[in-house]
PDB file of N, CA and C in Angstrom:
ATOM      1  N   MET A   1      -7.647 -11.025  45.143  1.00  0.00           N
ATOM      2  CA  MET A   1      -6.240 -11.254  44.874  1.00  0.00           C
ATOM      3  C   MET A   1      -5.927 -11.094  43.388  1.00  0.00           C
ATOM      4  N   LYS A   2      -6.812 -11.621  42.515  1.00  0.00           N
ATOM      5  CA  LYS A   2      -6.574 -11.551  41.083  1.00  0.00           C
ATOM      6  C   LYS A   2      -6.551 -10.093  40.603  1.00  0.00           C
ATOM      7  N   LYS A   3      -7.468  -9.283  41.121  1.00  0.00           N
ATOM      8  CA  LYS A   3      -7.520  -7.863  40.747  1.00  0.00           C
ATOM      9  C   LYS A   3      -6.230  -7.153  41.130  1.00  0.00           C
ATOM     10  N   ARG A   4      -5.682  -7.495  42.281  1.00  0.00           N
ATOM     11  CA  ARG A   4      -4.439  -6.879  42.755  1.00  0.00           C
ATOM     12  C   ARG A   4      -3.276  -7.211  41.824  1.00  0.00           C
ATOM     13  N   LEU A   5      -3.192  -8.452  41.398  1.00  0.00           N
ATOM     14  CA  LEU A   5      -2.137  -8.864  40.472  1.00  0.00           C
ATOM     15  C   LEU A   5      -2.302  -8.187  39.113  1.00  0.00           C
ATOM     16  N   GLU A   6      -3.532  -8.062  38.654  1.00  0.00           N
ATOM     17  CA  GLU A   6      -3.783  -7.395  37.380  1.00  0.00           C
ATOM     18  C   GLU A   6      -3.354  -5.933  37.446  1.00  0.00           C
ATOM     19  N   LYS A   7      -3.663  -5.266  38.558  1.00  0.00           N
ATOM     20  CA  LYS A   7      -3.269  -3.865  38.717  1.00  0.00           C
ATOM     21  C   LYS A   7      -1.751  -3.726  38.768  1.00  0.00           C
ATOM     22  N   LYS A   8      -1.105  -4.679  39.423  1.00  0.00           N
ATOM     23  CA  LYS A   8       0.356  -4.650  39.530  1.00  0.00           C
ATOM     24  C   LYS A   8       0.989  -4.821  38.146  1.00  0.00           C
ATOM     25  N   MET A   9       0.465  -5.743  37.341  1.00  0.00           N
ATOM     26  CA  MET A   9       0.981  -5.955  35.987  1.00  0.00           C
ATOM     27  C   MET A   9       0.742  -4.723  35.118  1.00  0.00           C
ATOM     28  N   GLU A  10      -0.438  -4.146  35.242  1.00  0.00           N
ATOM     29  CA  GLU A  10      -0.754  -2.928  34.485  1.00  0.00           C
ATOM     30  C   GLU A  10       0.239  -1.816  34.843  1.00  0.00           C
ATOM     31  N   LYS A  11       0.542  -1.681  36.113  1.00  0.00           N
ATOM     32  CA  LYS A  11       1.487  -0.654  36.565  1.00  0.00           C
ATOM     33  C   LYS A  11       2.880  -0.899  35.980  1.00  0.00           C
ATOM     34  N   ARG A  12       3.328  -2.145  35.962  1.00  0.00           N
ATOM     35  CA  ARG A  12       4.649  -2.476  35.406  1.00  0.00           C
ATOM     36  C   ARG A  12       4.712  -2.191  33.908  1.00  0.00           C
ATOM     37  N   LYS A  13       3.647  -2.494  33.187  1.00  0.00           N
ATOM     38  CA  LYS A  13       3.608  -2.211  31.750  1.00  0.00           C
ATOM     39  C   LYS A  13       3.683  -0.706  31.502  1.00  0.00           C
ATOM     40  N   ARG A  14       2.921   0.060  32.270  1.00  0.00           N
ATOM     41  CA  ARG A  14       2.937   1.514  32.121  1.00  0.00           C
ATOM     42  C   ARG A  14       4.312   2.077  32.438  1.00  0.00           C
ATOM     43  N   GLU A  15       4.974   1.533  33.447  1.00  0.00           N
ATOM     44  CA  GLU A  15       6.325   1.987  33.788  1.00  0.00           C
ATOM     45  C   GLU A  15       7.295   1.745  32.631  1.00  0.00           C
ATOM     46  N   GLN A  16       7.161   0.602  31.962  1.00  0.00           N
ATOM     47  CA  GLN A  16       8.033   0.293  30.833  1.00  0.00           C
ATOM     48  C   GLN A  16       7.761   1.237  29.659  1.00  0.00           C
ATOM     49  N   ILE A  17       6.494   1.546  29.408  1.00  0.00           N
ATOM     50  CA  ILE A  17       6.143   2.476  28.335  1.00  0.00           C
ATOM     51  C   ILE A  17       6.694   3.861  28.655  1.00  0.00           C
ATOM     52  N   HIS A  18       6.560   4.281  29.906  1.00  0.00           N
ATOM     53  CA  HIS A  18       7.119   5.572  30.312  1.00  0.00           C
ATOM     54  C   HIS A  18       8.635   5.573  30.136  1.00  0.00           C
ATOM     55  N   ARG A  19       9.266   4.464  30.452  1.00  0.00           N
ATOM     56  CA  ARG A  19      10.721   4.363  30.309  1.00  0.00           C
ATOM     57  C   ARG A  19      11.127   4.486  28.837  1.00  0.00           C
ATOM     58  N   LEU A  20      10.366   3.866  27.942  1.00  0.00           N
ATOM     59  CA  LEU A  20      10.663   3.974  26.506  1.00  0.00           C
ATOM     60  C   LEU A  20      10.557   5.424  26.024  1.00  0.00           C
ATOM     61  N   LEU A  21       9.513   6.103  26.446  1.00  0.00           N
ATOM     62  CA  LEU A  21       9.366   7.507  26.052  1.00  0.00           C
ATOM     63  C   LEU A  21      10.500   8.342  26.649  1.00  0.00           C
ATOM     64  N   ASP A  22      10.853   8.074  27.879  1.00  0.00           N
ATOM     65  CA  ASP A  22      11.950   8.790  28.533  1.00  0.00           C
ATOM     66  C   ASP A  22      13.274   8.572  27.791  1.00  0.00           C
ATOM     67  N   LEU A  23      13.532   7.354  27.357  1.00  0.00           N
ATOM     68  CA  LEU A  23      14.747   7.066  26.586  1.00  0.00           C
ATOM     69  C   LEU A  23      14.746   7.824  25.257  1.00  0.00           C
ATOM     70  N   ALA A  24      13.591   7.880  24.603  1.00  0.00           N
ATOM     71  CA  ALA A  24      13.502   8.630  23.344  1.00  0.00           C
ATOM     72  C   ALA A  24      13.825  10.103  23.588  1.00  0.00           C
ATOM     73  N   LEU A  25      13.303  10.648  24.675  1.00  0.00           N
ATOM     74  CA  LEU A  25      13.594  12.043  24.999  1.00  0.00           C
ATOM     75  C   LEU A  25      15.055  12.231  25.388  1.00  0.00           C
ATOM     76  N   ASP A  26      15.629  11.248  26.068  1.00  0.00           N
ATOM     77  CA  ASP A  26      17.052  11.325  26.423  1.00  0.00           C
ATOM     78  C   ASP A  26      17.922  11.367  25.168  1.00  0.00           C
ATOM     79  N   ILE A  27      17.580  10.582  24.181  1.00  0.00           N
ATOM     80  CA  ILE A  27      18.368  10.528  22.954  1.00  0.00           C
ATOM     81  C   ILE A  27      18.149  11.787  22.111  1.00  0.00           C
ATOM     82  N   ASN A  28      16.898  12.214  21.972  1.00  0.00           N
ATOM     83  CA  ASN A  28      16.575  13.347  21.110  1.00  0.00           C
ATOM     84  C   ASN A  28      16.811  14.707  21.753  1.00  0.00           C
ATOM     85  N   GLY A  29      16.567  14.823  23.040  1.00  0.00           N
ATOM     86  CA  GLY A  29      16.454  16.147  23.624  1.00  0.00           C
ATOM     87  C   GLY A  29      15.088  16.697  23.245  1.00  0.00           C
ATOM     88  N   LEU A  30      14.884  17.985  23.390  1.00  0.00           N
ATOM     89  CA  LEU A  30      13.577  18.569  23.099  1.00  0.00           C
ATOM     90  C   LEU A  30      13.593  19.518  21.900  1.00  0.00           C
ATOM     91  N   GLU A  31      14.747  19.713  21.336  1.00  0.00           N
ATOM     92  CA  GLU A  31      14.875  20.607  20.190  1.00  0.00           C
ATOM     93  C   GLU A  31      14.613  19.840  18.896  1.00  0.00           C
ATOM     94  N   PRO A  32      14.339  20.555  17.791  1.00  0.00           N
ATOM     95  CA  PRO A  32      14.167  19.871  16.492  1.00  0.00           C
ATOM     96  C   PRO A  32      15.393  19.009  16.189  1.00  0.00           C
ATOM     97  N   ARG A  33      15.171  17.878  15.567  1.00  0.00           N
ATOM     98  CA  ARG A  33      16.242  16.906  15.409  1.00  0.00           C
ATOM     99  C   ARG A  33      16.494  16.530  13.950  1.00  0.00           C
ATOM    100  N   GLU A  34      16.100  17.358  13.005  1.00  0.00           N
ATOM    101  CA  GLU A  34      16.336  17.065  11.596  1.00  0.00           C
ATOM    102  C   GLU A  34      17.827  17.154  11.296  1.00  0.00           C
ATOM    103  N   GLN A  35      18.323  16.278  10.435  1.00  0.00           N
ATOM    104  CA  GLN A  35      19.753  16.161  10.168  1.00  0.00           C
ATOM    105  C   GLN A  35      20.368  17.473   9.675  1.00  0.00           C
ATOM    106  N   LYS A  36      19.654  18.242   8.887  1.00  0.00           N
ATOM    107  CA  LYS A  36      20.228  19.491   8.386  1.00  0.00           C
ATOM    108  C   LYS A  36      20.443  20.507   9.510  1.00  0.00           C
ATOM    109  N   VAL A  37      19.773  20.312  10.650  1.00  0.00           N
ATOM    110  CA  VAL A  37      19.948  21.200  11.800  1.00  0.00           C
ATOM    111  C   VAL A  37      20.989  20.652  12.766  1.00  0.00           C
ATOM    112  N   THR A  38      20.955  19.346  13.019  1.00  0.00           N
ATOM    113  CA  THR A  38      21.796  18.754  14.068  1.00  0.00           C
ATOM    114  C   THR A  38      22.955  17.920  13.549  1.00  0.00           C
ATOM    115  N   GLY A  39      23.072  17.772  12.247  1.00  0.00           N
ATOM    116  CA  GLY A  39      24.160  16.955  11.712  1.00  0.00           C
ATOM    117  C   GLY A  39      23.881  15.477  11.924  1.00  0.00           C
ATOM    118  N   ASN A  40      24.881  14.753  12.404  1.00  0.00           N
ATOM    119  CA  ASN A  40      24.783  13.293  12.522  1.00  0.00           C
ATOM    120  C   ASN A  40      24.241  12.808  13.865  1.00  0.00           C
ATOM    121  N   LEU A  41      23.615  13.660  14.654  1.00  0.00           N
ATOM    122  CA  LEU A  41      23.090  13.213  15.943  1.00  0.00           C
ATOM    123  C   LEU A  41      21.940  12.237  15.743  1.00  0.00           C
ATOM    124  N   PRO A  42      21.864  11.199  16.570  1.00  0.00           N
ATOM    125  CA  PRO A  42      20.797  10.203  16.419  1.00  0.00           C
ATOM    126  C   PRO A  42      19.423  10.793  16.701  1.00  0.00           C
ATOM    127  N   THR A  43      18.422  10.209  16.055  1.00  0.00           N
ATOM    128  CA  THR A  43      17.038  10.642  16.227  1.00  0.00           C
ATOM    129  C   THR A  43      16.164   9.416  16.446  1.00  0.00           C
ATOM    130  N   VAL A  44      15.220   9.525  17.390  1.00  0.00           N
ATOM    131  CA  VAL A  44      14.301   8.429  17.696  1.00  0.00           C
ATOM    132  C   VAL A  44      12.863   8.927  17.550  1.00  0.00           C
ATOM    133  N   PHE A  45      12.032   8.132  16.882  1.00  0.00           N
ATOM    134  CA  PHE A  45      10.602   8.408  16.785  1.00  0.00           C
ATOM    135  C   PHE A  45       9.888   7.441  17.724  1.00  0.00           C
ATOM    136  N   PHE A  46       8.929   7.939  18.488  1.00  0.00           N
ATOM    137  CA  PHE A  46       8.135   7.134  19.411  1.00  0.00           C
ATOM    138  C   PHE A  46       6.670   7.386  19.085  1.00  0.00           C
ATOM    139  N   ASP A  47       5.931   6.327  18.740  1.00  0.00           N
ATOM    140  CA  ASP A  47       4.503   6.452  18.432  1.00  0.00           C
ATOM    141  C   ASP A  47       3.730   5.403  19.220  1.00  0.00           C
ATOM    142  N   PHE A  48       2.557   5.791  19.714  1.00  0.00           N
ATOM    143  CA  PHE A  48       1.667   4.854  20.387  1.00  0.00           C
ATOM    144  C   PHE A  48       0.378   4.776  19.592  1.00  0.00           C
ATOM    145  N   SER A  49       0.006   3.575  19.194  1.00  0.00           N
ATOM    146  CA  SER A  49      -1.246   3.346  18.471  1.00  0.00           C
ATOM    147  C   SER A  49      -2.222   2.670  19.420  1.00  0.00           C
ATOM    148  N   GLY A  50      -3.055   3.480  20.047  1.00  0.00           N
ATOM    149  CA  GLY A  50      -3.977   2.980  21.060  1.00  0.00           C
ATOM    150  C   GLY A  50      -5.018   2.013  20.538  1.00  0.00           C
ATOM    151  N   HIS A  51      -5.383   2.149  19.272  1.00  0.00           N
ATOM    152  CA  HIS A  51      -6.429   1.286  18.723  1.00  0.00           C
ATOM    153  C   HIS A  51      -5.975  -0.170  18.613  1.00  0.00           C
ATOM    154  N   VAL A  52      -4.656  -0.407  18.571  1.00  0.00           N
ATOM    155  CA  VAL A  52      -4.152  -1.782  18.507  1.00  0.00           C
ATOM    156  C   VAL A  52      -3.220  -2.109  19.677  1.00  0.00           C
ATOM    157  N   GLY A  53      -2.994  -1.145  20.555  1.00  0.00           N
ATOM    158  CA  GLY A  53      -2.134  -1.388  21.718  1.00  0.00           C
ATOM    159  C   GLY A  53      -0.696  -1.692  21.334  1.00  0.00           C
ATOM    160  N   ARG A  54      -0.157  -0.906  20.404  1.00  0.00           N
ATOM    161  CA  ARG A  54       1.195  -1.156  19.925  1.00  0.00           C
ATOM    162  C   ARG A  54       1.991   0.141  19.926  1.00  0.00           C
ATOM    163  N   ILE A  55       3.291  -0.006  20.206  1.00  0.00           N
ATOM    164  CA  ILE A  55       4.222   1.111  20.186  1.00  0.00           C
ATOM    165  C   ILE A  55       5.165   0.910  19.014  1.00  0.00           C
ATOM    166  N   SER A  56       5.533   2.003  18.384  1.00  0.00           N
ATOM    167  CA  SER A  56       6.510   1.966  17.300  1.00  0.00           C
ATOM    168  C   SER A  56       7.676   2.849  17.710  1.00  0.00           C
ATOM    169  N   ILE A  57       8.864   2.272  17.683  1.00  0.00           N
ATOM    170  CA  ILE A  57      10.075   3.023  17.967  1.00  0.00           C
ATOM    171  C   ILE A  57      10.977   2.868  16.751  1.00  0.00           C
ATOM    172  N   ARG A  58      11.284   3.989  16.113  1.00  0.00           N
ATOM    173  CA  ARG A  58      12.156   3.977  14.937  1.00  0.00           C
ATOM    174  C   ARG A  58      13.386   4.821  15.231  1.00  0.00           C
ATOM    175  N   THR A  59      14.540   4.316  14.885  1.00  0.00           N
ATOM    176  CA  THR A  59      15.767   5.053  15.153  1.00  0.00           C
ATOM    177  C   THR A  59      16.502   5.368  13.859  1.00  0.00           C
ATOM    178  N   TYR A  60      17.120   6.522  13.858  1.00  0.00           N
ATOM    179  CA  TYR A  60      17.956   7.006  12.760  1.00  0.00           C
ATOM    180  C   TYR A  60      19.301   7.357  13.390  1.00  0.00           C
ATOM    181  N   SER A  61      20.275   6.488  13.264  1.00  0.00           N
ATOM    182  CA  SER A  61      21.532   6.645  13.993  1.00  0.00           C
ATOM    183  C   SER A  61      22.337   7.868  13.559  1.00  0.00           C
ATOM    184  N   ALA A  62      22.185   8.315  12.329  1.00  0.00           N
ATOM    185  CA  ALA A  62      22.927   9.493  11.848  1.00  0.00           C
ATOM    186  C   ALA A  62      22.013  10.684  11.622  1.00  0.00           C
ATOM    187  N   GLY A  63      20.863  10.690  12.247  1.00  0.00           N
ATOM    188  CA  GLY A  63      19.921  11.790  12.103  1.00  0.00           C
ATOM    189  C   GLY A  63      18.838  11.496  11.083  1.00  0.00           C
ATOM    190  N   TRP A  64      17.727  12.211  11.204  1.00  0.00           N
ATOM    191  CA  TRP A  64      16.577  12.007  10.329  1.00  0.00           C
ATOM    192  C   TRP A  64      16.622  12.971   9.161  1.00  0.00           C
ATOM    193  N   THR A  65      16.294  12.456   7.991  1.00  0.00           N
ATOM    194  CA  THR A  65      16.077  13.281   6.809  1.00  0.00           C
ATOM    195  C   THR A  65      14.837  12.758   6.096  1.00  0.00           C
ATOM    196  N   PRO A  66      14.102  13.638   5.404  1.00  0.00           N
ATOM    197  CA  PRO A  66      12.886  13.189   4.707  1.00  0.00           C
ATOM    198  C   PRO A  66      13.193  12.074   3.706  1.00  0.00           C
ATOM    199  N   GLY A  67      12.349  11.054   3.707  1.00  0.00           N
ATOM    200  CA  GLY A  67      12.484   9.963   2.753  1.00  0.00           C
ATOM    201  C   GLY A  67      13.479   8.886   3.132  1.00  0.00           C
ATOM    202  N   LYS A  68      14.214   9.098   4.216  1.00  0.00           N
ATOM    203  CA  LYS A  68      15.209   8.093   4.636  1.00  0.00           C
ATOM    204  C   LYS A  68      14.540   7.025   5.496  1.00  0.00           C
ATOM    205  N   ASP A  69      14.882   5.761   5.243  1.00  0.00           N
ATOM    206  CA  ASP A  69      14.366   4.665   6.064  1.00  0.00           C
ATOM    207  C   ASP A  69      15.085   4.629   7.403  1.00  0.00           C
ATOM    208  N   SER A  70      14.378   4.192   8.432  1.00  0.00           N
ATOM    209  CA  SER A  70      14.981   4.089   9.759  1.00  0.00           C
ATOM    210  C   SER A  70      16.006   2.957   9.781  1.00  0.00           C
ATOM    211  N   ASP A  71      16.977   3.082  10.689  1.00  0.00           N
ATOM    212  CA  ASP A  71      17.994   2.045  10.858  1.00  0.00           C
ATOM    213  C   ASP A  71      17.439   0.863  11.655  1.00  0.00           C
ATOM    214  N   THR A  72      16.591   1.163  12.628  1.00  0.00           N
ATOM    215  CA  THR A  72      16.029   0.141  13.502  1.00  0.00           C
ATOM    216  C   THR A  72      14.560   0.436  13.747  1.00  0.00           C
ATOM    217  N   GLU A  73      13.746  -0.616  13.767  1.00  0.00           N
ATOM    218  CA  GLU A  73      12.334  -0.483  14.128  1.00  0.00           C
ATOM    219  C   GLU A  73      12.011  -1.517  15.196  1.00  0.00           C
ATOM    220  N   ILE A  74      11.352  -1.060  16.252  1.00  0.00           N
ATOM    221  CA  ILE A  74      10.946  -1.931  17.350  1.00  0.00           C
ATOM    222  C   ILE A  74       9.443  -1.734  17.527  1.00  0.00           C
ATOM    223  N   TRP A  75       8.690  -2.818  17.574  1.00  0.00           N
ATOM    224  CA  TRP A  75       7.226  -2.754  17.620  1.00  0.00           C
ATOM    225  C   TRP A  75       6.655  -3.562  18.794  1.00  0.00           C
ATOM    226  N   PRO A  76       6.920  -3.182  20.036  1.00  0.00           N
ATOM    227  CA  PRO A  76       6.355  -3.962  21.144  1.00  0.00           C
ATOM    228  C   PRO A  76       4.851  -3.723  21.304  1.00  0.00           C
ATOM    229  N   ARG A  77       4.155  -4.775  21.734  1.00  0.00           N
ATOM    230  CA  ARG A  77       2.737  -4.623  22.068  1.00  0.00           C
ATOM    231  C   ARG A  77       2.661  -4.101  23.501  1.00  0.00           C
ATOM    232  N   ALA A  78       1.837  -3.074  23.709  1.00  0.00           N
ATOM    233  CA  ALA A  78       1.751  -2.404  25.005  1.00  0.00           C
ATOM    234  C   ALA A  78       1.177  -3.311  26.095  1.00  0.00           C
ATOM    235  N   TYR A  79       0.533  -4.387  25.726  1.00  0.00           N
ATOM    236  CA  TYR A  79      -0.077  -5.287  26.695  1.00  0.00           C
ATOM    237  C   TYR A  79       0.782  -6.526  26.965  1.00  0.00           C
ATOM    238  N   LYS A  80       2.013  -6.552  26.436  1.00  0.00           N
ATOM    239  CA  LYS A  80       2.932  -7.679  26.642  1.00  0.00           C
ATOM    240  C   LYS A  80       4.173  -7.189  27.386  1.00  0.00           C
ATOM    241  N   LEU A  81       4.251  -7.466  28.660  1.00  0.00           N
ATOM    242  CA  LEU A  81       5.361  -6.989  29.484  1.00  0.00           C
ATOM    243  C   LEU A  81       6.706  -7.470  28.956  1.00  0.00           C
ATOM    244  N   SER A  82       6.777  -8.698  28.471  1.00  0.00           N
ATOM    245  CA  SER A  82       8.054  -9.223  27.967  1.00  0.00           C
ATOM    246  C   SER A  82       8.535  -8.435  26.751  1.00  0.00           C
ATOM    247  N   GLU A  83       7.619  -8.060  25.861  1.00  0.00           N
ATOM    248  CA  GLU A  83       7.995  -7.281  24.682  1.00  0.00           C
ATOM    249  C   GLU A  83       8.415  -5.864  25.078  1.00  0.00           C
ATOM    250  N   LEU A  84       7.735  -5.290  26.052  1.00  0.00           N
ATOM    251  CA  LEU A  84       8.107  -3.957  26.525  1.00  0.00           C
ATOM    252  C   LEU A  84       9.485  -3.972  27.174  1.00  0.00           C
ATOM    253  N   SER A  85       9.735  -4.993  27.995  1.00  0.00           N
ATOM    254  CA  SER A  85      11.036  -5.107  28.660  1.00  0.00           C
ATOM    255  C   SER A  85      12.160  -5.275  27.644  1.00  0.00           C
ATOM    256  N   ASP A  86      11.906  -6.084  26.618  1.00  0.00           N
ATOM    257  CA  ASP A  86      12.901  -6.277  25.564  1.00  0.00           C
ATOM    258  C   ASP A  86      13.147  -4.967  24.810  1.00  0.00           C
ATOM    259  N   ALA A  87      12.084  -4.215  24.539  1.00  0.00           N
ATOM    260  CA  ALA A  87      12.229  -2.934  23.839  1.00  0.00           C
ATOM    261  C   ALA A  87      13.046  -1.954  24.678  1.00  0.00           C
ATOM    262  N   VAL A  88      12.806  -1.909  25.987  1.00  0.00           N
ATOM    263  CA  VAL A  88      13.579  -1.026  26.872  1.00  0.00           C
ATOM    264  C   VAL A  88      15.054  -1.415  26.813  1.00  0.00           C
ATOM    265  N   ARG A  89      15.336  -2.700  26.863  1.00  0.00           N
ATOM    266  CA  ARG A  89      16.723  -3.160  26.797  1.00  0.00           C
ATOM    267  C   ARG A  89      17.374  -2.733  25.484  1.00  0.00           C
ATOM    268  N   ARG A  90      16.666  -2.911  24.376  1.00  0.00           N
ATOM    269  CA  ARG A  90      17.220  -2.572  23.060  1.00  0.00           C
ATOM    270  C   ARG A  90      17.448  -1.066  22.899  1.00  0.00           C
ATOM    271  N   VAL A  91      16.498  -0.254  23.366  1.00  0.00           N
ATOM    272  CA  VAL A  91      16.659   1.203  23.252  1.00  0.00           C
ATOM    273  C   VAL A  91      17.762   1.688  24.186  1.00  0.00           C
ATOM    274  N   ASN A  92      17.878   1.077  25.364  1.00  0.00           N
ATOM    275  CA  ASN A  92      18.993   1.408  26.260  1.00  0.00           C
ATOM    276  C   ASN A  92      20.323   1.144  25.569  1.00  0.00           C
ATOM    277  N   THR A  93      20.416   0.029  24.859  1.00  0.00           N
ATOM    278  CA  THR A  93      21.639  -0.305  24.126  1.00  0.00           C
ATOM    279  C   THR A  93      21.904   0.727  23.035  1.00  0.00           C
ATOM    280  N   LEU A  94      20.858   1.104  22.305  1.00  0.00           N
ATOM    281  CA  LEU A  94      21.012   2.120  21.264  1.00  0.00           C
ATOM    282  C   LEU A  94      21.493   3.445  21.859  1.00  0.00           C
ATOM    283  N   LYS A  95      20.947   3.797  22.998  1.00  0.00           N
ATOM    284  CA  LYS A  95      21.358   5.038  23.659  1.00  0.00           C
ATOM    285  C   LYS A  95      22.833   4.974  24.048  1.00  0.00           C
ATOM    286  N   ALA A  96      23.245   3.845  24.595  1.00  0.00           N
ATOM    287  CA  ALA A  96      24.640   3.684  25.014  1.00  0.00           C
ATOM    288  C   ALA A  96      25.598   3.737  23.825  1.00  0.00           C
ATOM    289  N   GLU A  97      25.137   3.277  22.668  1.00  0.00           N
ATOM    290  CA  GLU A  97      25.971   3.263  21.464  1.00  0.00           C
ATOM    291  C   GLU A  97      25.941   4.588  20.711  1.00  0.00           C
ATOM    292  N   SER A  98      25.146   5.538  21.172  1.00  0.00           N
ATOM    293  CA  SER A  98      24.978   6.818  20.480  1.00  0.00           C
ATOM    294  C   SER A  98      25.710   7.928  21.211  1.00  0.00           C
ATOM    295  N   PRO A  99      26.943   8.197  20.808  1.00  0.00           N
ATOM    296  CA  PRO A  99      27.700   9.229  21.507  1.00  0.00           C
ATOM    297  C   PRO A  99      27.076  10.615  21.390  1.00  0.00           C
ATOM    298  N   GLY A 100      26.257  10.842  20.378  1.00  0.00           N
ATOM    299  CA  GLY A 100      25.637  12.148  20.209  1.00  0.00           C
ATOM    300  C   GLY A 100      24.282  12.262  20.861  1.00  0.00           C
ATOM    301  N   ALA A 101      23.899  11.269  21.660  1.00  0.00           N
ATOM    302  CA  ALA A 101      22.597  11.342  22.304  1.00  0.00           C
ATOM    303  C   ALA A 101      22.539  12.552  23.224  1.00  0.00           C
ATOM    304  N   ALA A 102      21.398  13.198  23.227  1.00  0.00           N
ATOM    305  CA  ALA A 102      21.224  14.390  24.060  1.00  0.00           C
ATOM    306  C   ALA A 102      21.175  13.987  25.527  1.00  0.00           C
ATOM    307  N   THR A 103      21.531  14.895  26.368  1.00  0.00           N
ATOM    308  CA  THR A 103      21.307  14.728  27.794  1.00  0.00           C
ATOM    309  C   THR A 103      20.267  15.763  28.179  1.00  0.00           C
ATOM    310  N   PRO A 104      19.581  15.613  29.305  1.00  0.00           N
ATOM    311  CA  PRO A 104      18.591  16.624  29.662  1.00  0.00           C
ATOM    312  C   PRO A 104      19.174  18.039  29.663  1.00  0.00           C
ATOM    313  N   ARG A 105      20.422  18.165  30.017  1.00  0.00           N
ATOM    314  CA  ARG A 105      21.069  19.486  30.041  1.00  0.00           C
ATOM    315  C   ARG A 105      21.213  20.030  28.619  1.00  0.00           C
ATOM    316  N   ASP A 106      21.500  19.178  27.638  1.00  0.00           N
ATOM    317  CA  ASP A 106      21.694  19.608  26.254  1.00  0.00           C
ATOM    318  C   ASP A 106      20.404  20.149  25.632  1.00  0.00           C
ATOM    319  N   SER A 107      19.262  19.694  26.107  1.00  0.00           N
ATOM    320  CA  SER A 107      18.010  20.054  25.453  1.00  0.00           C
ATOM    321  C   SER A 107      17.395  21.324  26.017  1.00  0.00           C
ATOM    322  N   ARG A 108      18.077  21.990  26.936  1.00  0.00           N
ATOM    323  CA  ARG A 108      17.526  23.242  27.502  1.00  0.00           C
ATOM    324  C   ARG A 108      17.783  24.389  26.602  1.00  0.00           C
TER     325      ARG A 108
END
């Protein structure tokens, strides 16, 4: 029984991580997102550091430029479902507040 619950929790954590990456792709699209190319469209960076089990999500609401600090940083631990769920909620909010967020159709 314990193994089954552990597998279920692992699956839920992975789903949340996949959702975070999907949201980043929804906001960015698949094309280059540097401010000089896209203007003021929002840009999201998604990094996974496997050696510490942590995700880094950085957002630039008016686009990314070299040397500019991010507007928002979210650092959920990949092994904490509550932190992942909170990160998904926060990125969903950022996406909703970003009128220039890409849609899958825009990134083709």
